[in-house]
C-alpha atoms as a PDB file:
ATOM      1  CA  MET A   1      31.006  20.129 107.208  1.00  0.00           C
ATOM      2  CA  SER A   2      32.507  19.123 110.549  1.00  0.00           C
ATOM      3  CA  ALA A   3      31.831  20.949 113.761  1.00  0.00           C
ATOM      4  CA  SER A   4      34.120  23.546 115.318  1.00  0.00           C
ATOM      5  CA  PHE A   5      35.403  22.163 118.627  1.00  0.00           C
ATOM      6  CA  VAL A   6      35.564  24.847 121.316  1.00  0.00           C
ATOM      7  CA  ALA A   7      36.767  24.443 124.918  1.00  0.00           C
ATOM      8  CA  VAL A   8      35.363  26.813 127.516  1.00  0.00           C
ATOM      9  CA  ALA A   9      38.224  26.779 129.977  1.00  0.00           C
ATOM     10  CA  ASN A  10      40.053  28.508 132.798  1.00  0.00           C
ATOM     11  CA  LEU A  11      41.968  27.093 135.761  1.00  0.00           C
ATOM     12  CA  LYS A  12      40.388  29.778 137.955  1.00  0.00           C
ATOM     13  CA  GLY A  13      37.049  28.589 139.307  1.00  0.00           C
ATOM     14  CA  GLY A  14      34.013  30.799 139.834  1.00  0.00           C
ATOM     15  CA  VAL A  15      34.512  32.902 136.700  1.00  0.00           C
ATOM     16  CA  GLY A  16      31.268  31.976 134.915  1.00  0.00           C
ATOM     17  CA  LYS A  17      32.496  29.108 132.760  1.00  0.00           C
ATOM     18  CA  SER A  18      29.256  27.136 132.731  1.00  0.00           C
ATOM     19  CA  THR A  19      27.141  30.289 132.402  1.00  0.00           C
ATOM     20  CA  THR A  20      29.223  31.365 129.399  1.00  0.00           C
ATOM     21  CA  THR A  21      28.818  27.895 127.883  1.00  0.00           C
ATOM     22  CA  LEU A  22      25.039  28.131 128.139  1.00  0.00           C
ATOM     23  CA  MET A  23      24.889  31.693 126.844  1.00  0.00           C
ATOM     24  CA  LEU A  24      26.938  30.693 123.809  1.00  0.00           C
ATOM     25  CA  ALA A  25      24.838  27.592 123.187  1.00  0.00           C
ATOM     26  CA  ASP A  26      21.584  29.550 123.408  1.00  0.00           C
ATOM     27  CA  GLY A  27      22.896  32.508 121.413  1.00  0.00           C
ATOM     28  CA  LEU A  28      24.388  30.458 118.578  1.00  0.00           C
ATOM     29  CA  ALA A  29      21.293  28.265 118.294  1.00  0.00           C
ATOM     30  CA  TYR A  30      18.759  31.092 118.599  1.00  0.00           C
ATOM     31  CA  TYR A  31      20.396  33.880 116.604  1.00  0.00           C
ATOM     32  CA  PHE A  32      22.394  31.875 114.042  1.00  0.00           C
ATOM     33  CA  GLY A  33      20.417  28.659 113.711  1.00  0.00           C
ATOM     34  CA  ALA A  34      23.423  26.595 114.779  1.00  0.00           C
ATOM     35  CA  ASN A  35      23.193  22.985 115.865  1.00  0.00           C
ATOM     36  CA  VAL A  36      25.180  22.912 119.094  1.00  0.00           C
ATOM     37  CA  LEU A  37      26.479  19.971 121.106  1.00  0.00           C
ATOM     38  CA  VAL A  38      27.539  20.677 124.689  1.00  0.00           C
ATOM     39  CA  VAL A  39      30.049  18.170 126.071  1.00  0.00           C
ATOM     40  CA  ASP A  40      30.352  18.505 129.845  1.00  0.00           C
ATOM     41  CA  PHE A  41      33.762  17.290 131.079  1.00  0.00           C
ATOM     42  CA  ASP A  42      33.337  18.831 134.527  1.00  0.00           C
ATOM     43  CA  PRO A  43      32.285  16.417 137.330  1.00  0.00           C
ATOM     44  CA  GLN A  44      30.575  19.366 139.028  1.00  0.00           C
ATOM     45  CA  ALA A  45      28.104  18.995 136.129  1.00  0.00           C
ATOM     46  CA  ASN A  46      26.917  22.602 136.363  1.00  0.00           C
ATOM     47  CA  SER A  47      26.205  22.965 132.645  1.00  0.00           C
ATOM     48  CA  SER A  48      24.358  19.656 132.620  1.00  0.00           C
ATOM     49  CA  GLN A  49      22.285  20.531 135.668  1.00  0.00           C
ATOM     50  CA  MET A  50      21.410  23.985 134.319  1.00  0.00           C
ATOM     51  CA  MET A  51      20.248  22.561 130.999  1.00  0.00           C
ATOM     52  CA  LEU A  52      18.574  19.376 132.237  1.00  0.00           C
ATOM     53  CA  THR A  53      17.611  20.243 135.844  1.00  0.00           C
ATOM     54  CA  GLU A  54      18.710  18.067 138.743  1.00  0.00           C
ATOM     55  CA  ARG A  55      15.936  15.570 138.011  1.00  0.00           C
ATOM     56  CA  GLY A  56      16.827  15.402 134.327  1.00  0.00           C
ATOM     57  CA  LEU A  57      20.503  14.970 135.120  1.00  0.00           C
ATOM     58  CA  GLN A  58      19.783  12.028 137.396  1.00  0.00           C
ATOM     59  CA  MET A  59      17.447  10.507 134.805  1.00  0.00           C
ATOM     60  CA  ALA A  60      20.207  10.752 132.189  1.00  0.00           C
ATOM     61  CA  TYR A  61      22.627   9.029 134.550  1.00  0.00           C
ATOM     62  CA  GLU A  62      20.179   6.230 135.301  1.00  0.00           C
ATOM     63  CA  GLN A  63      19.612   5.773 131.552  1.00  0.00           C
ATOM     64  CA  GLY A  64      23.358   5.275 131.062  1.00  0.00           C
ATOM     65  CA  LYS A  65      23.999   8.503 129.176  1.00  0.00           C
ATOM     66  CA  GLY A  66      26.967  10.836 129.481  1.00  0.00           C
ATOM     67  CA  VAL A  67      30.721  11.309 129.510  1.00  0.00           C
ATOM     68  CA  HIS A  68      31.264   8.773 132.306  1.00  0.00           C
ATOM     69  CA  LYS A  69      30.005   5.978 130.032  1.00  0.00           C
ATOM     70  CA  LEU A  70      32.611   6.840 127.404  1.00  0.00           C
ATOM     71  CA  LEU A  71      35.250   6.810 130.121  1.00  0.00           C
ATOM     72  CA  GLN A  72      34.034   3.394 131.270  1.00  0.00           C
ATOM     73  CA  GLN A  73      34.378   2.130 127.691  1.00  0.00           C
ATOM     74  CA  PHE A  74      37.971   3.365 127.691  1.00  0.00           C
ATOM     75  CA  SER A  75      38.664   1.653 131.017  1.00  0.00           C
ATOM     76  CA  ALA A  76      37.248  -1.638 129.744  1.00  0.00           C
ATOM     77  CA  GLY A  77      39.300  -1.455 126.545  1.00  0.00           C
ATOM     78  CA  LEU A  78      36.184  -1.168 124.403  1.00  0.00           C
ATOM     79  CA  PRO A  79      35.972   0.898 121.207  1.00  0.00           C
ATOM     80  CA  PRO A  80      34.291   4.278 121.730  1.00  0.00           C
ATOM     81  CA  ASN A  81      30.591   4.269 121.001  1.00  0.00           C
ATOM     82  CA  LEU A  82      28.408   7.347 121.391  1.00  0.00           C
ATOM     83  CA  ALA A  83      25.193   5.540 120.462  1.00  0.00           C
ATOM     84  CA  ASP A  84      22.453   6.544 122.904  1.00  0.00           C
ATOM     85  CA  LEU A  85      24.863   8.506 125.138  1.00  0.00           C
ATOM     86  CA  ILE A  86      23.874  11.974 123.854  1.00  0.00           C
ATOM     87  CA  LEU A  87      20.642  13.624 124.946  1.00  0.00           C
ATOM     88  CA  PRO A  88      19.337  15.165 121.702  1.00  0.00           C
ATOM     89  CA  ASN A  89      16.996  17.631 123.423  1.00  0.00           C
ATOM     90  CA  ALA A  90      18.739  20.017 125.812  1.00  0.00           C
ATOM     91  CA  VAL A  91      16.819  23.014 124.459  1.00  0.00           C
ATOM     92  CA  THR A  92      15.314  25.379 127.037  1.00  0.00           C
ATOM     93  CA  LEU A  93      14.047  28.056 124.625  1.00  0.00           C
ATOM     94  CA  GLU A  94      10.394  28.021 123.580  1.00  0.00           C
ATOM     95  CA  GLU A  95      11.167  29.508 120.147  1.00  0.00           C
ATOM     96  CA  LEU A  96      13.460  26.594 119.219  1.00  0.00           C
ATOM     97  CA  ARG A  97      11.015  24.002 120.527  1.00  0.00           C
ATOM     98  CA  LYS A  98       8.134  25.656 118.634  1.00  0.00           C
ATOM     99  CA  ASP A  99      10.111  25.649 115.383  1.00  0.00           C
ATOM    100  CA  GLU A 100      10.866  21.965 115.871  1.00  0.00           C
ATOM    101  CA  ARG A 101       7.218  21.185 116.561  1.00  0.00           C
ATOM    102  CA  ASN A 102       6.248  23.003 113.340  1.00  0.00           C
ATOM    103  CA  ASP A 103       8.852  21.049 111.362  1.00  0.00           C
ATOM    104  CA  ARG A 104      10.966  24.120 110.578  1.00  0.00           C
ATOM    105  CA  ARG A 105      13.830  23.710 113.007  1.00  0.00           C
ATOM    106  CA  SER A 106      16.438  26.459 112.980  1.00  0.00           C
ATOM    107  CA  GLY A 107      18.980  25.912 115.707  1.00  0.00           C
ATOM    108  CA  TRP A 108      19.120  23.150 118.298  1.00  0.00           C
ATOM    109  CA  ILE A 109      21.076  22.133 121.400  1.00  0.00           C
ATOM    110  CA  SER A 110      22.059  18.619 122.456  1.00  0.00           C
ATOM    111  CA  ILE A 111      24.255  17.515 125.339  1.00  0.00           C
ATOM    112  CA  LEU A 112      26.673  14.770 126.320  1.00  0.00           C
ATOM    113  CA  PRO A 113      26.132  15.331 130.035  1.00  0.00           C
ATOM    114  CA  SER A 114      28.354  14.965 133.048  1.00  0.00           C
ATOM    115  CA  HIS A 115      27.476  13.635 136.495  1.00  0.00           C
ATOM    116  CA  PRO A 116      29.223  13.833 139.892  1.00  0.00           C
ATOM    117  CA  SER A 117      30.070  10.137 139.525  1.00  0.00           C
ATOM    118  CA  LEU A 118      32.492  11.132 136.749  1.00  0.00           C
ATOM    119  CA  ARG A 119      35.138  12.095 139.331  1.00  0.00           C
ATOM    120  CA  PHE A 120      35.108   8.561 140.756  1.00  0.00           C
ATOM    121  CA  THR A 121      35.175   6.925 137.329  1.00  0.00           C
ATOM    122  CA  GLU A 122      38.170   9.093 136.461  1.00  0.00           C
ATOM    123  CA  MET A 123      39.939   8.192 139.714  1.00  0.00           C
ATOM    124  CA  ASP A 124      39.422   4.481 139.016  1.00  0.00           C
ATOM    125  CA  VAL A 125      40.911   4.856 135.534  1.00  0.00           C
ATOM    126  CA  GLU A 126      43.924   6.756 136.861  1.00  0.00           C
ATOM    127  CA  GLU A 127      44.650   4.247 139.621  1.00  0.00           C
ATOM    128  CA  ARG A 128      44.487   1.326 137.213  1.00  0.00           C
ATOM    129  CA  VAL A 129      46.670   2.763 134.453  1.00  0.00           C
ATOM    130  CA  TYR A 130      49.216   4.365 136.779  1.00  0.00           C
ATOM    131  CA  ALA A 131      49.661   1.017 138.536  1.00  0.00           C
ATOM    132  CA  GLY A 132      50.647  -0.330 135.127  1.00  0.00           C
ATOM    133  CA  GLY A 133      53.284   2.352 134.686  1.00  0.00           C
ATOM    134  CA  MET A 134      51.471   4.724 132.332  1.00  0.00           C
ATOM    135  CA  ARG A 135      52.390   8.392 132.658  1.00  0.00           C
ATOM    136  CA  PRO A 136      49.692  11.080 133.062  1.00  0.00           C
ATOM    137  CA  SER A 137      50.666  12.693 129.746  1.00  0.00           C
ATOM    138  CA  GLU A 138      50.224   9.395 127.927  1.00  0.00           C
ATOM    139  CA  LEU A 139      46.841   8.865 129.563  1.00  0.00           C
ATOM    140  CA  SER A 140      45.777  12.346 128.417  1.00  0.00           C
ATOM    141  CA  ASN A 141      46.757  11.538 124.841  1.00  0.00           C
ATOM    142  CA  ARG A 142      44.935   8.224 124.890  1.00  0.00           C
ATOM    143  CA  LEU A 143      41.807   9.792 126.340  1.00  0.00           C
ATOM    144  CA  ARG A 144      41.911  12.536 123.723  1.00  0.00           C
ATOM    145  CA  GLN A 145      42.062   9.920 120.977  1.00  0.00           C
ATOM    146  CA  HIS A 146      39.253   7.888 122.559  1.00  0.00           C
ATOM    147  CA  PHE A 147      36.940  10.901 122.704  1.00  0.00           C
ATOM    148  CA  ALA A 148      37.990  12.128 119.258  1.00  0.00           C
ATOM    149  CA  ASP A 149      37.147   8.719 117.780  1.00  0.00           C
ATOM    150  CA  ALA A 150      33.798   8.755 119.586  1.00  0.00           C
ATOM    151  CA  LEU A 151      32.843  12.221 118.339  1.00  0.00           C
ATOM    152  CA  ALA A 152      34.114  11.834 114.759  1.00  0.00           C
ATOM    153  CA  PRO A 153      31.038   9.971 113.417  1.00  0.00           C
ATOM    154  CA  VAL A 154      28.641  12.640 114.720  1.00  0.00           C
ATOM    155  CA  ALA A 155      30.727  15.781 114.138  1.00  0.00           C
ATOM    156  CA  SER A 156      28.987  16.496 110.825  1.00  0.00           C
ATOM    157  CA  LEU A 157      25.640  16.741 112.652  1.00  0.00           C
ATOM    158  CA  TYR A 158      26.742  19.842 114.576  1.00  0.00           C
ATOM    159  CA  ASP A 159      28.056  23.279 113.762  1.00  0.00           C
ATOM    160  CA  VAL A 160      29.721  23.825 117.131  1.00  0.00           C
ATOM    161  CA  VAL A 161      30.798  21.473 119.922  1.00  0.00           C
ATOM    162  CA  LEU A 162      31.205  23.368 123.219  1.00  0.00           C
ATOM    163  CA  ILE A 163      33.364  21.492 125.738  1.00  0.00           C
ATOM    164  CA  ASP A 164      32.872  22.687 129.318  1.00  0.00           C
ATOM    165  CA  THR A 165      36.112  21.775 131.097  1.00  0.00           C
ATOM    166  CA  PRO A 166      36.826  21.600 134.856  1.00  0.00           C
ATOM    167  CA  PRO A 167      39.046  24.169 136.626  1.00  0.00           C
ATOM    168  CA  TYR A 168      42.002  21.793 137.038  1.00  0.00           C
ATOM    169  CA  LEU A 169      44.365  19.743 134.886  1.00  0.00           C
ATOM    170  CA  SER A 170      43.495  16.076 135.315  1.00  0.00           C
ATOM    171  CA  PRO A 171      44.227  13.803 132.314  1.00  0.00           C
ATOM    172  CA  LEU A 172      40.546  13.978 131.326  1.00  0.00           C
ATOM    173  CA  ALA A 173      40.545  17.782 131.556  1.00  0.00           C
ATOM    174  CA  ARG A 174      43.706  17.936 129.444  1.00  0.00           C
ATOM    175  CA  ALA A 175      42.125  15.596 126.900  1.00  0.00           C
ATOM    176  CA  GLY A 176      39.208  18.025 126.591  1.00  0.00           C
ATOM    177  CA  LEU A 177      41.604  20.901 125.979  1.00  0.00           C
ATOM    178  CA  MET A 178      43.481  18.907 123.334  1.00  0.00           C
ATOM    179  CA  LEU A 179      40.225  18.120 121.513  1.00  0.00           C
ATOM    180  CA  ALA A 180      39.524  21.808 120.951  1.00  0.00           C
ATOM    181  CA  GLU A 181      40.541  24.034 118.065  1.00  0.00           C
ATOM    182  CA  THR A 182      39.640  27.287 119.822  1.00  0.00           C
ATOM    183  CA  TYR A 183      39.319  28.339 123.453  1.00  0.00           C
ATOM    184  CA  VAL A 184      36.834  30.576 125.225  1.00  0.00           C
ATOM    185  CA  THR A 185      38.279  31.880 128.503  1.00  0.00           C
ATOM    186  CA  PRO A 186      35.839  33.541 130.900  1.00  0.00           C
ATOM    187  CA  THR A 187      37.413  35.680 133.626  1.00  0.00           C
ATOM    188  CA  LEU A 188      36.453  38.257 136.216  1.00  0.00           C
ATOM    189  CA  ALA A 189      37.960  41.749 136.228  1.00  0.00           C
ATOM    190  CA  ASP A 190      39.867  41.405 139.488  1.00  0.00           C
ATOM    191  CA  PRO A 191      43.568  40.784 140.233  1.00  0.00           C
ATOM    192  CA  VAL A 192      43.176  37.204 141.486  1.00  0.00           C
ATOM    193  CA  SER A 193      41.150  36.096 138.450  1.00  0.00           C
ATOM    194  CA  ILE A 194      43.430  37.939 136.031  1.00  0.00           C
ATOM    195  CA  TRP A 195      46.494  36.318 137.578  1.00  0.00           C
ATOM    196  CA  GLY A 196      44.880  32.873 137.317  1.00  0.00           C
ATOM    197  CA  THR A 197      43.864  33.532 133.718  1.00  0.00           C
ATOM    198  CA  LYS A 198      47.430  34.585 132.863  1.00  0.00           C
ATOM    199  CA  GLN A 199      48.821  31.397 134.433  1.00  0.00           C
ATOM    200  CA  PHE A 200      46.330  29.315 132.473  1.00  0.00           C
ATOM    201  CA  SER A 201      47.277  31.084 129.255  1.00  0.00           C
ATOM    202  CA  ASP A 202      50.986  30.523 129.850  1.00  0.00           C
ATOM    203  CA  TRP A 203      50.444  26.836 130.624  1.00  0.00           C
ATOM    204  CA  MET A 204      48.328  26.404 127.488  1.00  0.00           C
ATOM    205  CA  ALA A 205      51.038  28.007 125.350  1.00  0.00           C
ATOM    206  CA  GLU A 206      53.666  25.658 126.753  1.00  0.00           C
ATOM    207  CA  ASN A 207      51.674  22.426 126.775  1.00  0.00           C
ATOM    208  CA  ILE A 208      48.647  22.479 124.468  1.00  0.00           C
ATOM    209  CA  ALA A 209      48.662  25.265 121.867  1.00  0.00           C
ATOM    210  CA  ALA A 210      51.749  27.354 121.197  1.00  0.00           C
ATOM    211  CA  ASP A 211      49.562  29.638 119.066  1.00  0.00           C
ATOM    212  CA  ILE A 212      46.987  30.104 121.833  1.00  0.00           C
ATOM    213  CA  ALA A 213      46.889  33.866 121.222  1.00  0.00           C
ATOM    214  CA  VAL A 214      45.126  33.524 117.861  1.00  0.00           C
ATOM    215  CA  ARG A 215      42.872  30.720 119.112  1.00  0.00           C
ATOM    216  CA  ASN A 216      41.720  32.419 122.298  1.00  0.00           C
ATOM    217  CA  PHE A 217      38.463  34.338 122.865  1.00  0.00           C
ATOM    218  CA  ILE A 218      38.307  36.162 126.216  1.00  0.00           C
ATOM    219  CA  VAL A 219      35.027  37.004 127.957  1.00  0.00           C
ATOM    220  CA  VAL A 220      35.007  39.281 131.005  1.00  0.00           C
ATOM    221  CA  THR A 221      32.047  38.113 133.074  1.00  0.00           C
ATOM    222  CA  ARG A 222      30.073  39.368 136.101  1.00  0.00           C
ATOM    223  CA  PHE A 223      31.441  42.827 135.478  1.00  0.00           C
ATOM    224  CA  LYS A 224      30.762  45.513 138.067  1.00  0.00           C
ATOM    225  CA  ASN A 225      31.081  48.928 136.456  1.00  0.00           C
ATOM    226  CA  THR A 226      33.410  50.463 139.054  1.00  0.00           C
ATOM    227  CA  ARG A 227      36.680  52.283 138.548  1.00  0.00           C
ATOM    228  CA  TYR A 228      38.487  49.352 140.147  1.00  0.00           C
ATOM    229  CA  ALA A 229      36.924  46.863 137.712  1.00  0.00           C
ATOM    230  CA  ARG A 230      37.433  49.161 134.705  1.00  0.00           C
ATOM    231  CA  ASP A 231      41.135  49.531 135.545  1.00  0.00           C
ATOM    232  CA  ALA A 232      41.500  45.758 135.945  1.00  0.00           C
ATOM    233  CA  GLU A 233      39.797  45.092 132.618  1.00  0.00           C
ATOM    234  CA  HIS A 234      41.984  47.694 130.915  1.00  0.00           C
ATOM    235  CA  GLU A 235      45.112  45.957 132.230  1.00  0.00           C
ATOM    236  CA  LEU A 236      43.812  42.601 131.046  1.00  0.00           C
ATOM    237  CA  ARG A 237      43.205  43.943 127.536  1.00  0.00           C
ATOM    238  CA  THR A 238      46.352  46.056 127.177  1.00  0.00           C
ATOM    239  CA  ILE A 239      48.981  44.238 129.229  1.00  0.00           C
ATOM    240  CA  TYR A 240      48.284  40.649 130.268  1.00  0.00           C
ATOM    241  CA  LEU A 241      46.340  39.392 127.229  1.00  0.00           C
ATOM    242  CA  LYS A 242      46.779  42.248 124.790  1.00  0.00           C
ATOM    243  CA  ASN A 243      47.019  40.012 121.715  1.00  0.00           C
ATOM    244  CA  ARG A 244      43.771  38.087 122.251  1.00  0.00           C
ATOM    245  CA  THR A 245      40.273  38.485 120.835  1.00  0.00           C
ATOM    246  CA  PHE A 246      37.874  39.880 123.412  1.00  0.00           C
ATOM    247  CA  GLY A 247      34.156  39.340 123.419  1.00  0.00           C
ATOM    248  CA  PRO A 248      31.667  41.776 124.934  1.00  0.00           C
ATOM    249  CA  THR A 249      31.886  42.391 128.662  1.00  0.00           C
ATOM    250  CA  ILE A 250      29.023  40.632 130.460  1.00  0.00           C
ATOM    251  CA  PRO A 251      27.648  42.668 133.380  1.00  0.00           C
ATOM    252  CA  GLU A 252      26.924  41.239 136.795  1.00  0.00           C
ATOM    253  CA  SER A 253      23.187  40.625 136.972  1.00  0.00           C
ATOM    254  CA  VAL A 254      20.650  38.765 139.048  1.00  0.00           C
ATOM    255  CA  GLN A 255      18.966  37.971 135.730  1.00  0.00           C
ATOM    256  CA  ALA A 256      21.995  35.901 134.712  1.00  0.00           C
ATOM    257  CA  LEU A 257      21.550  33.663 137.743  1.00  0.00           C
ATOM    258  CA  GLN A 258      17.814  33.395 137.204  1.00  0.00           C
ATOM    259  CA  ALA A 259      18.307  32.583 133.521  1.00  0.00           C
ATOM    260  CA  MET A 260      20.329  29.503 134.418  1.00  0.00           C
ATOM    261  CA  ASP A 261      17.640  28.107 136.731  1.00  0.00           C
ATOM    262  CA  ARG A 262      15.349  25.874 134.693  1.00  0.00           C
ATOM    263  CA  ALA A 263      12.207  25.114 136.685  1.00  0.00           C
ATOM    264  CA  ASP A 264      11.550  21.624 135.340  1.00  0.00           C
ATOM    265  CA  LEU A 265      12.718  19.288 132.601  1.00  0.00           C
ATOM    266  CA  ASP A 266       9.491  19.942 130.679  1.00  0.00           C
ATOM    267  CA  SER A 267       9.580  23.725 131.134  1.00  0.00           C
ATOM    268  CA  TYR A 268      10.650  26.167 128.433  1.00  0.00           C
ATOM    269  CA  ASN A 269      11.050  29.913 128.285  1.00  0.00           C
ATOM    270  CA  THR A 270      11.302  32.528 125.569  1.00  0.00           C
ATOM    271  CA  MET A 271      14.628  34.232 124.953  1.00  0.00           C
ATOM    272  CA  ARG A 272      13.156  37.434 126.390  1.00  0.00           C
ATOM    273  CA  GLY A 273      11.696  35.637 129.382  1.00  0.00           C
ATOM    274  CA  LYS A 274      14.894  33.733 130.108  1.00  0.00           C
ATOM    275  CA  TYR A 275      17.457  36.498 129.746  1.00  0.00           C
ATOM    276  CA  GLY A 276      15.476  39.722 130.141  1.00  0.00           C
ATOM    277  CA  ASN A 277      17.800  42.736 129.891  1.00  0.00           C
ATOM    278  CA  LEU A 278      20.739  40.378 129.287  1.00  0.00           C
ATOM    279  CA  ARG A 279      19.251  39.353 125.944  1.00  0.00           C
ATOM    280  CA  GLY A 280      21.336  41.957 124.131  1.00  0.00           C
ATOM    281  CA  ASP A 281      24.490  40.717 125.861  1.00  0.00           C
ATOM    282  CA  VAL A 282      23.766  37.142 124.752  1.00  0.00           C
ATOM    283  CA  ARG A 283      23.285  38.362 121.195  1.00  0.00           C
ATOM    284  CA  ARG A 284      26.509  40.401 121.219  1.00  0.00           C
ATOM    285  CA  LEU A 285      28.417  37.476 122.689  1.00  0.00           C
ATOM    286  CA  SER A 286      27.180  35.055 120.039  1.00  0.00           C
ATOM    287  CA  GLU A 287      27.716  37.591 117.222  1.00  0.00           C
ATOM    288  CA  ARG A 288      31.270  38.339 118.289  1.00  0.00           C
ATOM    289  CA  PHE A 289      32.088  34.670 118.742  1.00  0.00           C
ATOM    290  CA  ALA A 290      30.512  33.693 115.413  1.00  0.00           C
ATOM    291  CA  GLY A 291      32.735  36.305 113.761  1.00  0.00           C
ATOM    292  CA  PHE A 292      35.767  34.955 115.616  1.00  0.00           C
ATOM    293  CA  LEU A 293      35.062  31.419 114.380  1.00  0.00           C
ATOM    294  CA  ALA A 294      34.498  32.668 110.841  1.00  0.00           C
ATOM    295  CA  ASP A 295      37.874  34.442 110.881  1.00  0.00           C
ATOM    296  CA  ARG A 296      39.538  31.273 112.153  1.00  0.00           C
ATOM    297  CA  MET A 297      37.906  29.164 109.443  1.00  0.00           C
ATOM    298  CA  GLY A 298      38.397  31.715 106.674  1.00  0.00           C
ATOM    299  CA  SER A 299      34.670  31.828 105.929  1.00  0.00           C
ATOM    300  CA  ASP A 300      31.916  34.422 105.936  1.00  0.00           C
ATOM    301  CA  VAL A 301      30.212  35.324 109.202  1.00  0.00           C
ATOM    302  CA  PRO A 302      26.907  33.401 109.352  1.00  0.00           C
ATOM    303  CA  GLN A 303      23.755  35.443 108.984  1.00  0.00           C
ATOM    304  CA  LEU A 304      21.317  36.088 111.793  1.00  0.00           C
ATOM    305  CA  VAL A 305      18.120  34.069 111.572  1.00  0.00           C
ATOM    306  CA  ARG A 306      16.380  36.081 114.324  1.00  0.00           C
ATOM    307  CA  SER A 307      16.657  39.724 115.220  1.00  0.00           C
END
């Protein structure tokens, strides 16, 4: 069975894209026993830093791992090769690590990390190919094919590939969107974020996926339970994106910020210790999204492996 490719995407920054990526990765691995690969296409590298720590991220870069190496292969005209570019242990949960240690793994998280150097590698590629007359749309298509060819040999090892995309539309970002079969769109419940989310949705319908409505899973994040926010969310659900699938609303919480802060590369935490009162939100998010994927694939919803 090949993995489901999912892009976590929105052109509006600051809406919790990387946090949603990590919550989904943890929830799917912990509650459903899924093998998850996170592919970080964002040069800000927030997902990578949260999972690996700053020290771990730099170590991965120095070891020649990550998306930038695949992009360098493309630039050099080399065939895509993922060998040794993926970090197979991006797990931060003690329960998953303990199961692995006891030879009864159920759920795991790996990562193809990003690094701030990715923005410069991408700029070098663009300057070179544009000087030769290539159009941005053609570069996007070629990058999509390069990454698709790289991921094809390992797709059967994973249940879900989560692609964290940057909040802009460079050729590399567009390639990430074209790789995906479904799209998770985090957004805040405020007019500016809703407007940006609507623009992103319209652009996707015109340029990437005409059937975006049935492939789109919306997550309202950092929700403040005020009348203003409730009215904004209601408009999002009933007017702007009324034909989309909505996940659970994720409340604003200091715990969410703390949960993303891994102390050290060798440190682990329990699900309860990491997410605290947000643990139920992570479970609801992963349950709702697992059901969404099952509906898309025409299969049964996977069973929980932990309560």
